[in-house]
Amino acid sequence: MVDEDSQQELKQRLINAFKDPTVLKLTNKRIPRQLRHFEVTTVINFEFNEASDQHIMSLETLISRDYWQE
């Protein structure tokens, strides 16, 4: 099993990687109407399953209600 210290270290390493100024930043450019298929909100969660001794990533995404009203 992964101990609490290992989980904290992994978490901190991920946080530091995202804060690293040498990593290229994503830009939020407007997508042309012809290329925009869906407007979605996405949530990513990480959990540790002690029974299987594994980390689990879940990705949830839903189409915005505004998309259907356009």
PDB file of N, CA and C in Angstrom:
ATOM      1  N   MET A   1       0.832  -1.187   0.000  1.00  0.00           N
ATOM      2  CA  MET A   1       0.000   0.000   0.000  1.00  0.00           C
ATOM      3  C   MET A   1       0.877   1.251   0.000  1.00  0.00           C
ATOM      4  N   VAL A   2       0.325   2.314  -0.544  1.00  0.00           N
ATOM      5  CA  VAL A   2       1.040   3.585  -0.590  1.00  0.00           C
ATOM      6  C   VAL A   2       0.766   4.344   0.695  1.00  0.00           C
ATOM      7  N   ASP A   3       1.834   4.755   1.355  1.00  0.00           N
ATOM      8  CA  ASP A   3       1.639   5.462   2.623  1.00  0.00           C
ATOM      9  C   ASP A   3       1.287   6.928   2.384  1.00  0.00           C
ATOM     10  N   GLU A   4       0.883   7.588   3.438  1.00  0.00           N
ATOM     11  CA  GLU A   4       0.443   8.983   3.375  1.00  0.00           C
ATOM     12  C   GLU A   4       1.565   9.893   2.865  1.00  0.00           C
ATOM     13  N   ASP A   5       2.802   9.626   3.272  1.00  0.00           N
ATOM     14  CA  ASP A   5       3.931  10.451   2.821  1.00  0.00           C
ATOM     15  C   ASP A   5       4.112  10.360   1.309  1.00  0.00           C
ATOM     16  N   SER A   6       3.973   9.169   0.757  1.00  0.00           N
ATOM     17  CA  SER A   6       4.114   8.994  -0.694  1.00  0.00           C
ATOM     18  C   SER A   6       3.006   9.720  -1.440  1.00  0.00           C
ATOM     19  N   GLN A   7       1.792   9.667  -0.909  1.00  0.00           N
ATOM     20  CA  GLN A   7       0.679  10.367  -1.545  1.00  0.00           C
ATOM     21  C   GLN A   7       0.912  11.872  -1.511  1.00  0.00           C
ATOM     22  N   GLN A   8       1.396  12.389  -0.382  1.00  0.00           N
ATOM     23  CA  GLN A   8       1.662  13.816  -0.262  1.00  0.00           C
ATOM     24  C   GLN A   8       2.792  14.245  -1.200  1.00  0.00           C
ATOM     25  N   GLU A   9       3.808  13.396  -1.308  1.00  0.00           N
ATOM     26  CA  GLU A   9       4.921  13.709  -2.205  1.00  0.00           C
ATOM     27  C   GLU A   9       4.435  13.775  -3.652  1.00  0.00           C
ATOM     28  N   LEU A  10       3.618  12.815  -4.064  1.00  0.00           N
ATOM     29  CA  LEU A  10       3.067  12.802  -5.418  1.00  0.00           C
ATOM     30  C   LEU A  10       2.235  14.055  -5.666  1.00  0.00           C
ATOM     31  N   LYS A  11       1.395  14.389  -4.705  1.00  0.00           N
ATOM     32  CA  LYS A  11       0.559  15.584  -4.824  1.00  0.00           C
ATOM     33  C   LYS A  11       1.418  16.831  -4.980  1.00  0.00           C
ATOM     34  N   GLN A  12       2.442  16.969  -4.149  1.00  0.00           N
ATOM     35  CA  GLN A  12       3.308  18.141  -4.197  1.00  0.00           C
ATOM     36  C   GLN A  12       4.087  18.203  -5.508  1.00  0.00           C
ATOM     37  N   ARG A  13       4.539  17.073  -6.007  1.00  0.00           N
ATOM     38  CA  ARG A  13       5.273  17.053  -7.270  1.00  0.00           C
ATOM     39  C   ARG A  13       4.377  17.481  -8.430  1.00  0.00           C
ATOM     40  N   LEU A  14       3.111  17.069  -8.409  1.00  0.00           N
ATOM     41  CA  LEU A  14       2.176  17.492  -9.452  1.00  0.00           C
ATOM     42  C   LEU A  14       1.918  18.998  -9.372  1.00  0.00           C
ATOM     43  N   ILE A  15       1.714  19.500  -8.160  1.00  0.00           N
ATOM     44  CA  ILE A  15       1.489  20.940  -7.977  1.00  0.00           C
ATOM     45  C   ILE A  15       2.695  21.724  -8.484  1.00  0.00           C
ATOM     46  N   ASN A  16       3.894  21.296  -8.127  1.00  0.00           N
ATOM     47  CA  ASN A  16       5.108  21.984  -8.557  1.00  0.00           C
ATOM     48  C   ASN A  16       5.271  21.940 -10.073  1.00  0.00           C
ATOM     49  N   ALA A  17       4.910  20.815 -10.695  1.00  0.00           N
ATOM     50  CA  ALA A  17       5.021  20.696 -12.145  1.00  0.00           C
ATOM     51  C   ALA A  17       4.104  21.693 -12.844  1.00  0.00           C
ATOM     52  N   PHE A  18       2.902  21.891 -12.312  1.00  0.00           N
ATOM     53  CA  PHE A  18       1.973  22.832 -12.934  1.00  0.00           C
ATOM     54  C   PHE A  18       2.384  24.282 -12.701  1.00  0.00           C
ATOM     55  N   LYS A  19       3.138  24.543 -11.633  1.00  0.00           N
ATOM     56  CA  LYS A  19       3.582  25.901 -11.332  1.00  0.00           C
ATOM     57  C   LYS A  19       4.906  26.251 -12.011  1.00  0.00           C
ATOM     58  N   ASP A  20       5.563  25.282 -12.609  1.00  0.00           N
ATOM     59  CA  ASP A  20       6.883  25.483 -13.209  1.00  0.00           C
ATOM     60  C   ASP A  20       6.801  26.507 -14.352  1.00  0.00           C
ATOM     61  N   PRO A  21       7.532  27.628 -14.241  1.00  0.00           N
ATOM     62  CA  PRO A  21       7.460  28.673 -15.272  1.00  0.00           C
ATOM     63  C   PRO A  21       8.092  28.261 -16.600  1.00  0.00           C
ATOM     64  N   THR A  22       8.907  27.207 -16.616  1.00  0.00           N
ATOM     65  CA  THR A  22       9.533  26.779 -17.865  1.00  0.00           C
ATOM     66  C   THR A  22       8.581  25.976 -18.738  1.00  0.00           C
ATOM     67  N   VAL A  23       7.483  25.526 -18.162  1.00  0.00           N
ATOM     68  CA  VAL A  23       6.495  24.773 -18.932  1.00  0.00           C
ATOM     69  C   VAL A  23       5.644  25.759 -19.725  1.00  0.00           C
ATOM     70  N   LEU A  24       5.403  25.451 -20.979  1.00  0.00           N
ATOM     71  CA  LEU A  24       4.587  26.334 -21.800  1.00  0.00           C
ATOM     72  C   LEU A  24       3.185  26.448 -21.226  1.00  0.00           C
ATOM     73  N   LYS A  25       2.684  27.662 -21.193  1.00  0.00           N
ATOM     74  CA  LYS A  25       1.341  27.896 -20.677  1.00  0.00           C
ATOM     75  C   LYS A  25       0.318  27.715 -21.803  1.00  0.00           C
ATOM     76  N   LEU A  26      -0.831  27.164 -21.444  1.00  0.00           N
ATOM     77  CA  LEU A  26      -1.908  27.029 -22.416  1.00  0.00           C
ATOM     78  C   LEU A  26      -2.556  28.390 -22.604  1.00  0.00           C
ATOM     79  N   THR A  27      -2.916  28.678 -23.828  1.00  0.00           N
ATOM     80  CA  THR A  27      -3.612  29.932 -24.093  1.00  0.00           C
ATOM     81  C   THR A  27      -5.081  29.634 -24.330  1.00  0.00           C
ATOM     82  N   ASN A  28      -5.892  30.588 -24.023  1.00  0.00           N
ATOM     83  CA  ASN A  28      -7.329  30.410 -24.160  1.00  0.00           C
ATOM     84  C   ASN A  28      -7.796  31.235 -25.362  1.00  0.00           C
ATOM     85  N   LYS A  29      -7.605  30.693 -26.554  1.00  0.00           N
ATOM     86  CA  LYS A  29      -7.976  31.406 -27.767  1.00  0.00           C
ATOM     87  C   LYS A  29      -9.393  31.028 -28.184  1.00  0.00           C
ATOM     88  N   ARG A  30     -10.050  31.956 -28.814  1.00  0.00           N
ATOM     89  CA  ARG A  30     -11.396  31.706 -29.313  1.00  0.00           C
ATOM     90  C   ARG A  30     -11.334  30.715 -30.477  1.00  0.00           C
ATOM     91  N   ILE A  31     -12.178  29.705 -30.413  1.00  0.00           N
ATOM     92  CA  ILE A  31     -12.238  28.684 -31.450  1.00  0.00           C
ATOM     93  C   ILE A  31     -13.290  29.106 -32.485  1.00  0.00           C
ATOM     94  N   PRO A  32     -12.971  29.054 -33.772  1.00  0.00           N
ATOM     95  CA  PRO A  32     -13.963  29.413 -34.786  1.00  0.00           C
ATOM     96  C   PRO A  32     -15.217  28.538 -34.685  1.00  0.00           C
ATOM     97  N   ARG A  33     -16.346  29.112 -35.042  1.00  0.00           N
ATOM     98  CA  ARG A  33     -17.633  28.416 -34.939  1.00  0.00           C
ATOM     99  C   ARG A  33     -17.613  27.065 -35.658  1.00  0.00           C
ATOM    100  N   GLN A  34     -16.927  27.003 -36.800  1.00  0.00           N
ATOM    101  CA  GLN A  34     -16.891  25.769 -37.584  1.00  0.00           C
ATOM    102  C   GLN A  34     -16.124  24.652 -36.876  1.00  0.00           C
ATOM    103  N   LEU A  35     -15.240  25.029 -35.979  1.00  0.00           N
ATOM    104  CA  LEU A  35     -14.435  24.026 -35.278  1.00  0.00           C
ATOM    105  C   LEU A  35     -14.950  23.698 -33.888  1.00  0.00           C
ATOM    106  N   ARG A  36     -15.858  24.508 -33.393  1.00  0.00           N
ATOM    107  CA  ARG A  36     -16.359  24.309 -32.034  1.00  0.00           C
ATOM    108  C   ARG A  36     -17.517  23.311 -32.089  1.00  0.00           C
ATOM    109  N   HIS A  37     -17.319  22.150 -31.521  1.00  0.00           N
ATOM    110  CA  HIS A  37     -18.340  21.114 -31.554  1.00  0.00           C
ATOM    111  C   HIS A  37     -19.210  21.131 -30.303  1.00  0.00           C
ATOM    112  N   PHE A  38     -18.582  21.153 -29.157  1.00  0.00           N
ATOM    113  CA  PHE A  38     -19.315  21.093 -27.902  1.00  0.00           C
ATOM    114  C   PHE A  38     -18.715  22.055 -26.892  1.00  0.00           C
ATOM    115  N   GLU A  39     -19.556  22.625 -26.075  1.00  0.00           N
ATOM    116  CA  GLU A  39     -19.086  23.399 -24.935  1.00  0.00           C
ATOM    117  C   GLU A  39     -19.259  22.505 -23.715  1.00  0.00           C
ATOM    118  N   VAL A  40     -18.164  22.132 -23.112  1.00  0.00           N
ATOM    119  CA  VAL A  40     -18.235  21.179 -22.010  1.00  0.00           C
ATOM    120  C   VAL A  40     -17.494  21.689 -20.783  1.00  0.00           C
ATOM    121  N   THR A  41     -17.992  21.327 -19.631  1.00  0.00           N
ATOM    122  CA  THR A  41     -17.304  21.543 -18.371  1.00  0.00           C
ATOM    123  C   THR A  41     -16.734  20.190 -17.960  1.00  0.00           C
ATOM    124  N   THR A  42     -15.462  20.176 -17.613  1.00  0.00           N
ATOM    125  CA  THR A  42     -14.799  18.911 -17.292  1.00  0.00           C
ATOM    126  C   THR A  42     -14.203  18.979 -15.895  1.00  0.00           C
ATOM    127  N   VAL A  43     -14.372  17.889 -15.130  1.00  0.00           N
ATOM    128  CA  VAL A  43     -13.806  17.780 -13.793  1.00  0.00           C
ATOM    129  C   VAL A  43     -12.993  16.494 -13.746  1.00  0.00           C
ATOM    130  N   ILE A  44     -11.760  16.588 -13.249  1.00  0.00           N
ATOM    131  CA  ILE A  44     -10.894  15.415 -13.110  1.00  0.00           C
ATOM    132  C   ILE A  44     -10.618  15.209 -11.628  1.00  0.00           C
ATOM    133  N   ASN A  45     -10.851  13.986 -11.140  1.00  0.00           N
ATOM    134  CA  ASN A  45     -10.625  13.648  -9.730  1.00  0.00           C
ATOM    135  C   ASN A  45      -9.649  12.485  -9.626  1.00  0.00           C
ATOM    136  N   PHE A  46      -8.801  12.535  -8.603  1.00  0.00           N
ATOM    137  CA  PHE A  46      -7.896  11.431  -8.297  1.00  0.00           C
ATOM    138  C   PHE A  46      -8.254  10.880  -6.923  1.00  0.00           C
ATOM    139  N   GLU A  47      -8.357   9.565  -6.828  1.00  0.00           N
ATOM    140  CA  GLU A  47      -8.656   8.910  -5.552  1.00  0.00           C
ATOM    141  C   GLU A  47      -7.735   7.703  -5.395  1.00  0.00           C
ATOM    142  N   PHE A  48      -7.523   7.316  -4.146  1.00  0.00           N
ATOM    143  CA  PHE A  48      -6.751   6.104  -3.881  1.00  0.00           C
ATOM    144  C   PHE A  48      -7.688   5.031  -3.367  1.00  0.00           C
ATOM    145  N   ASN A  49      -7.713   3.875  -4.037  1.00  0.00           N
ATOM    146  CA  ASN A  49      -8.551   2.749  -3.652  1.00  0.00           C
ATOM    147  C   ASN A  49      -7.685   1.789  -2.839  1.00  0.00           C
ATOM    148  N   GLU A  50      -7.924   1.760  -1.534  1.00  0.00           N
ATOM    149  CA  GLU A  50      -7.099   0.912  -0.658  1.00  0.00           C
ATOM    150  C   GLU A  50      -7.328  -0.572  -0.925  1.00  0.00           C
ATOM    151  N   ALA A  51      -8.545  -0.954  -1.310  1.00  0.00           N
ATOM    152  CA  ALA A  51      -8.840  -2.365  -1.544  1.00  0.00           C
ATOM    153  C   ALA A  51      -8.003  -2.926  -2.686  1.00  0.00           C
ATOM    154  N   SER A  52      -7.813  -2.131  -3.750  1.00  0.00           N
ATOM    155  CA  SER A  52      -7.035  -2.612  -4.899  1.00  0.00           C
ATOM    156  C   SER A  52      -5.614  -2.040  -4.915  1.00  0.00           C
ATOM    157  N   ASP A  53      -5.303  -1.156  -3.937  1.00  0.00           N
ATOM    158  CA  ASP A  53      -3.982  -0.548  -3.839  1.00  0.00           C
ATOM    159  C   ASP A  53      -3.616   0.191  -5.133  1.00  0.00           C
ATOM    160  N   GLN A  54      -4.589   0.949  -5.665  1.00  0.00           N
ATOM    161  CA  GLN A  54      -4.390   1.675  -6.913  1.00  0.00           C
ATOM    162  C   GLN A  54      -4.935   3.092  -6.803  1.00  0.00           C
ATOM    163  N   HIS A  55      -4.335   3.982  -7.590  1.00  0.00           N
ATOM    164  CA  HIS A  55      -4.878   5.323  -7.734  1.00  0.00           C
ATOM    165  C   HIS A  55      -5.878   5.288  -8.889  1.00  0.00           C
ATOM    166  N   ILE A  56      -6.973   5.985  -8.722  1.00  0.00           N
ATOM    167  CA  ILE A  56      -8.020   5.994  -9.737  1.00  0.00           C
ATOM    168  C   ILE A  56      -8.257   7.433 -10.182  1.00  0.00           C
ATOM    169  N   MET A  57      -8.238   7.641 -11.492  1.00  0.00           N
ATOM    170  CA  MET A  57      -8.567   8.948 -12.042  1.00  0.00           C
ATOM    171  C   MET A  57      -9.953   8.856 -12.671  1.00  0.00           C
ATOM    172  N   SER A  58     -10.832   9.801 -12.308  1.00  0.00           N
ATOM    173  CA  SER A  58     -12.148   9.841 -12.937  1.00  0.00           C
ATOM    174  C   SER A  58     -12.292  11.163 -13.671  1.00  0.00           C
ATOM    175  N   LEU A  59     -12.890  11.108 -14.837  1.00  0.00           N
ATOM    176  CA  LEU A  59     -13.091  12.286 -15.661  1.00  0.00           C
ATOM    177  C   LEU A  59     -14.586  12.426 -15.903  1.00  0.00           C
ATOM    178  N   GLU A  60     -15.135  13.573 -15.516  1.00  0.00           N
ATOM    179  CA  GLU A  60     -16.562  13.822 -15.689  1.00  0.00           C
ATOM    180  C   GLU A  60     -16.730  15.028 -16.595  1.00  0.00           C
ATOM    181  N   THR A  61     -17.580  14.896 -17.580  1.00  0.00           N
ATOM    182  CA  THR A  61     -17.821  16.014 -18.476  1.00  0.00           C
ATOM    183  C   THR A  61     -19.288  16.031 -18.885  1.00  0.00           C
ATOM    184  N   LEU A  62     -19.838  17.215 -18.938  1.00  0.00           N
ATOM    185  CA  LEU A  62     -21.233  17.390 -19.307  1.00  0.00           C
ATOM    186  C   LEU A  62     -21.347  18.497 -20.328  1.00  0.00           C
ATOM    187  N   ILE A  63     -22.266  18.342 -21.252  1.00  0.00           N
ATOM    188  CA  ILE A  63     -22.516  19.395 -22.231  1.00  0.00           C
ATOM    189  C   ILE A  63     -23.336  20.482 -21.557  1.00  0.00           C
ATOM    190  N   SER A  64     -22.932  21.713 -21.751  1.00  0.00           N
ATOM    191  CA  SER A  64     -23.616  22.853 -21.170  1.00  0.00           C
ATOM    192  C   SER A  64     -25.041  22.970 -21.699  1.00  0.00           C
ATOM    193  N   ARG A  65     -25.964  23.386 -20.837  1.00  0.00           N
ATOM    194  CA  ARG A  65     -27.343  23.610 -21.273  1.00  0.00           C
ATOM    195  C   ARG A  65     -27.417  24.698 -22.338  1.00  0.00           C
ATOM    196  N   ASP A  66     -26.484  25.652 -22.262  1.00  0.00           N
ATOM    197  CA  ASP A  66     -26.453  26.734 -23.242  1.00  0.00           C
ATOM    198  C   ASP A  66     -26.235  26.199 -24.652  1.00  0.00           C
ATOM    199  N   TYR A  67     -25.504  25.092 -24.770  1.00  0.00           N
ATOM    200  CA  TYR A  67     -25.231  24.507 -26.079  1.00  0.00           C
ATOM    201  C   TYR A  67     -26.527  24.140 -26.796  1.00  0.00           C
ATOM    202  N   TRP A  68     -27.459  23.582 -26.053  1.00  0.00           N
ATOM    203  CA  TRP A  68     -28.713  23.126 -26.667  1.00  0.00           C
ATOM    204  C   TRP A  68     -29.664  24.279 -26.954  1.00  0.00           C
ATOM    205  N   GLN A  69     -29.429  25.443 -26.349  1.00  0.00           N
ATOM    206  CA  GLN A  69     -30.327  26.581 -26.539  1.00  0.00           C
ATOM    207  C   GLN A  69     -29.845  27.529 -27.634  1.00  0.00           C
ATOM    208  N   GLU A  70     -28.724  27.236 -28.270  1.00  0.00           N
ATOM    209  CA  GLU A  70     -28.201  28.108 -29.329  1.00  0.00           C
ATOM    210  C   GLU A  70     -29.016  27.955 -30.593  1.00  0.00           C
TER     211      GLU A  70
END
